[in-house]
């Protein structure tokens, strides 16, 4: 039987994969660039810490918010 901690870790990993893939698609980036942008963002920190229950939000909304609120991360791409 899988415990809650393991399920949460799997869910978080899946969410991060969805965010990175969607970010790459929306911004026409290669996966590596999207990966670097995501892990440089406040969003990644918030998901890691579980702040505000943000990990329960839709990944498409989270990508939209990332693009709007952290536009400085896209200056090098």
N, C-alpha and C. Protein backbone atom coordinates (compact mmCIF):
# COMPACT_ATOMS: atom_id res chain seq x y z
N UNK A 1 0.84 -1.19 0.00
CA UNK A 1 0.00 0.00 0.00
C UNK A 1 0.88 1.25 0.00
N UNK A 2 0.50 2.21 -0.80
CA UNK A 2 1.25 3.45 -0.93
C UNK A 2 0.76 4.46 0.11
N UNK A 3 1.68 5.11 0.77
CA UNK A 3 1.26 6.08 1.77
C UNK A 3 1.07 7.47 1.14
N UNK A 4 0.49 8.37 1.91
CA UNK A 4 0.18 9.72 1.42
C UNK A 4 1.41 10.48 0.98
N UNK A 5 2.50 10.32 1.70
CA UNK A 5 3.72 11.05 1.37
C UNK A 5 4.21 10.67 -0.03
N UNK A 6 4.19 9.40 -0.33
CA UNK A 6 4.62 8.92 -1.64
C UNK A 6 3.66 9.39 -2.74
N UNK A 7 2.37 9.33 -2.47
CA UNK A 7 1.39 9.80 -3.45
C UNK A 7 1.56 11.29 -3.73
N UNK A 8 1.78 12.08 -2.69
CA UNK A 8 1.99 13.51 -2.87
C UNK A 8 3.23 13.79 -3.69
N UNK A 9 4.29 13.03 -3.46
CA UNK A 9 5.53 13.21 -4.23
C UNK A 9 5.30 12.86 -5.70
N UNK A 10 4.56 11.80 -5.97
CA UNK A 10 4.26 11.43 -7.35
C UNK A 10 3.38 12.48 -8.02
N UNK A 11 2.39 12.98 -7.30
CA UNK A 11 1.52 14.02 -7.84
C UNK A 11 2.31 15.28 -8.16
N UNK A 12 3.19 15.68 -7.23
CA UNK A 12 3.99 16.88 -7.44
C UNK A 12 4.90 16.72 -8.65
N UNK A 13 5.50 15.58 -8.80
CA UNK A 13 6.37 15.31 -9.95
C UNK A 13 5.58 15.37 -11.25
N UNK A 14 4.40 14.80 -11.25
CA UNK A 14 3.54 14.84 -12.43
C UNK A 14 3.12 16.27 -12.76
N UNK A 15 2.79 17.04 -11.74
CA UNK A 15 2.40 18.44 -11.93
C UNK A 15 3.56 19.23 -12.53
N UNK A 16 4.76 19.02 -12.00
CA UNK A 16 5.92 19.73 -12.54
C UNK A 16 6.18 19.35 -13.99
N UNK A 17 6.04 18.09 -14.33
CA UNK A 17 6.20 17.66 -15.72
C UNK A 17 5.16 18.31 -16.62
N UNK A 18 3.91 18.37 -16.17
CA UNK A 18 2.86 19.00 -16.95
C UNK A 18 3.14 20.49 -17.15
N UNK A 19 3.59 21.16 -16.11
CA UNK A 19 3.90 22.58 -16.20
C UNK A 19 5.03 22.82 -17.20
N UNK A 20 6.09 22.06 -17.10
CA UNK A 20 7.25 22.24 -17.98
C UNK A 20 6.86 21.95 -19.43
N UNK A 21 6.13 20.89 -19.67
CA UNK A 21 5.70 20.55 -21.03
C UNK A 21 4.80 21.62 -21.62
N UNK A 22 3.85 22.09 -20.82
CA UNK A 22 2.92 23.11 -21.30
C UNK A 22 3.64 24.44 -21.52
N UNK A 23 4.55 24.79 -20.66
CA UNK A 23 5.34 26.01 -20.82
C UNK A 23 6.14 25.95 -22.12
N UNK A 24 6.76 24.83 -22.41
CA UNK A 24 7.52 24.66 -23.65
C UNK A 24 6.61 24.83 -24.86
N UNK A 25 5.43 24.26 -24.79
CA UNK A 25 4.49 24.35 -25.91
C UNK A 25 3.99 25.78 -26.12
N UNK A 26 3.56 26.43 -25.05
CA UNK A 26 2.98 27.77 -25.13
C UNK A 26 4.01 28.80 -25.59
N UNK A 27 5.21 28.71 -25.08
CA UNK A 27 6.25 29.70 -25.39
C UNK A 27 7.18 29.24 -26.51
N UNK A 28 6.88 28.09 -27.11
CA UNK A 28 7.68 27.54 -28.20
C UNK A 28 9.16 27.42 -27.80
N UNK A 29 9.38 26.76 -26.67
CA UNK A 29 10.72 26.56 -26.11
C UNK A 29 11.09 25.09 -26.20
N UNK A 30 12.38 24.81 -26.19
CA UNK A 30 12.77 23.41 -26.05
C UNK A 30 12.57 23.03 -24.57
N UNK A 31 12.45 21.76 -24.31
CA UNK A 31 12.14 21.28 -22.97
C UNK A 31 13.19 21.74 -21.96
N UNK A 32 14.45 21.74 -22.35
CA UNK A 32 15.52 22.14 -21.42
C UNK A 32 15.36 23.59 -20.98
N UNK A 33 15.02 24.49 -21.92
CA UNK A 33 14.80 25.90 -21.57
C UNK A 33 13.60 26.04 -20.64
N UNK A 34 12.53 25.33 -20.95
CA UNK A 34 11.34 25.38 -20.10
C UNK A 34 11.66 24.85 -18.71
N UNK A 35 12.44 23.80 -18.65
CA UNK A 35 12.88 23.21 -17.37
C UNK A 35 13.65 24.25 -16.56
N UNK A 36 14.61 24.91 -17.19
CA UNK A 36 15.43 25.91 -16.50
C UNK A 36 14.58 27.08 -16.02
N UNK A 37 13.66 27.54 -16.85
CA UNK A 37 12.78 28.65 -16.46
C UNK A 37 11.92 28.25 -15.28
N UNK A 38 11.30 27.09 -15.37
CA UNK A 38 10.43 26.65 -14.28
C UNK A 38 11.19 26.57 -12.96
N UNK A 39 12.34 25.91 -12.96
CA UNK A 39 13.08 25.73 -11.71
C UNK A 39 13.76 27.01 -11.22
N UNK A 40 13.75 28.07 -12.02
CA UNK A 40 14.24 29.38 -11.58
C UNK A 40 13.11 30.26 -11.05
N UNK A 41 11.91 29.77 -11.11
CA UNK A 41 10.73 30.59 -10.80
C UNK A 41 10.30 30.48 -9.33
N UNK A 42 9.55 31.48 -8.92
CA UNK A 42 8.92 31.43 -7.59
C UNK A 42 7.87 30.33 -7.54
N UNK A 43 7.25 30.06 -8.68
CA UNK A 43 6.24 29.01 -8.75
C UNK A 43 6.83 27.67 -8.29
N UNK A 44 8.01 27.33 -8.76
CA UNK A 44 8.65 26.06 -8.35
C UNK A 44 8.87 26.03 -6.85
N UNK A 45 9.29 27.16 -6.30
CA UNK A 45 9.50 27.24 -4.85
C UNK A 45 8.19 27.06 -4.09
N UNK A 46 7.13 27.68 -4.61
CA UNK A 46 5.83 27.57 -3.95
C UNK A 46 5.28 26.15 -4.00
N UNK A 47 5.45 25.50 -5.13
CA UNK A 47 4.98 24.11 -5.24
C UNK A 47 5.80 23.21 -4.32
N UNK A 48 7.09 23.42 -4.27
CA UNK A 48 7.95 22.61 -3.41
C UNK A 48 7.56 22.74 -1.94
N UNK A 49 7.24 23.97 -1.53
CA UNK A 49 6.90 24.20 -0.12
C UNK A 49 5.43 23.94 0.19
N UNK A 50 4.62 23.80 -0.84
CA UNK A 50 3.19 23.59 -0.63
C UNK A 50 2.48 24.87 -0.23
N UNK A 51 3.08 26.01 -0.54
CA UNK A 51 2.51 27.30 -0.17
C UNK A 51 1.17 27.54 -0.84
N UNK A 52 0.22 28.01 -0.07
CA UNK A 52 -1.09 28.45 -0.55
C UNK A 52 -1.91 27.35 -1.21
N UNK A 53 -1.54 26.10 -1.06
CA UNK A 53 -2.26 25.02 -1.73
C UNK A 53 -2.11 25.08 -3.24
N UNK A 54 -1.07 25.77 -3.71
CA UNK A 54 -0.88 26.02 -5.13
C UNK A 54 -0.72 24.73 -5.94
N UNK A 55 -0.23 23.69 -5.29
CA UNK A 55 -0.03 22.43 -6.01
C UNK A 55 -1.35 21.77 -6.42
N UNK A 56 -2.47 22.30 -5.92
CA UNK A 56 -3.78 21.76 -6.29
C UNK A 56 -4.43 22.50 -7.45
N UNK A 57 -3.76 23.51 -7.97
CA UNK A 57 -4.31 24.29 -9.09
C UNK A 57 -3.99 23.62 -10.42
N UNK A 58 -4.76 23.99 -11.43
CA UNK A 58 -4.58 23.46 -12.78
C UNK A 58 -3.24 23.93 -13.35
N UNK A 59 -2.51 23.02 -13.97
CA UNK A 59 -1.19 23.36 -14.50
C UNK A 59 -1.24 24.43 -15.59
N UNK A 60 -2.32 24.47 -16.37
CA UNK A 60 -2.43 25.49 -17.42
C UNK A 60 -2.56 26.88 -16.80
N UNK A 61 -3.32 26.98 -15.75
CA UNK A 61 -3.44 28.26 -15.04
C UNK A 61 -2.09 28.65 -14.44
N UNK A 62 -1.40 27.69 -13.86
CA UNK A 62 -0.11 27.98 -13.25
C UNK A 62 0.91 28.46 -14.28
N UNK A 63 0.88 27.88 -15.48
CA UNK A 63 1.77 28.33 -16.55
C UNK A 63 1.42 29.75 -16.97
N UNK A 64 0.13 30.03 -17.13
CA UNK A 64 -0.30 31.40 -17.47
C UNK A 64 0.21 32.39 -16.44
N UNK A 65 0.03 32.05 -15.18
CA UNK A 65 0.47 32.93 -14.10
C UNK A 65 1.99 33.09 -14.10
N UNK A 66 2.71 32.03 -14.35
CA UNK A 66 4.17 32.09 -14.43
C UNK A 66 4.60 33.05 -15.54
N UNK A 67 3.99 32.93 -16.69
CA UNK A 67 4.34 33.79 -17.83
C UNK A 67 4.05 35.25 -17.52
N UNK A 68 2.90 35.52 -16.92
CA UNK A 68 2.51 36.90 -16.62
C UNK A 68 3.32 37.50 -15.48
N UNK A 69 3.52 36.76 -14.42
CA UNK A 69 4.13 37.34 -13.22
C UNK A 69 5.65 37.30 -13.20
N UNK A 70 6.24 36.47 -14.04
CA UNK A 70 7.70 36.35 -14.02
C UNK A 70 8.28 36.50 -15.42
N UNK A 71 7.83 37.53 -16.11
CA UNK A 71 8.26 37.75 -17.49
C UNK A 71 9.77 37.94 -17.62
N UNK A 72 10.43 38.38 -16.54
CA UNK A 72 11.88 38.58 -16.59
C UNK A 72 12.63 37.28 -16.85
N UNK A 73 12.03 36.16 -16.55
CA UNK A 73 12.68 34.87 -16.80
C UNK A 73 12.76 34.54 -18.28
N UNK A 74 11.96 35.22 -19.09
CA UNK A 74 11.90 34.92 -20.53
C UNK A 74 12.77 35.86 -21.36
N UNK A 75 13.49 36.76 -20.74
CA UNK A 75 14.31 37.71 -21.49
C UNK A 75 15.46 37.05 -22.23
N UNK A 76 15.96 35.95 -21.72
CA UNK A 76 17.10 35.27 -22.34
C UNK A 76 16.68 34.24 -23.38
N UNK A 77 15.38 34.00 -23.52
CA UNK A 77 14.93 32.95 -24.45
C UNK A 77 14.51 33.54 -25.76
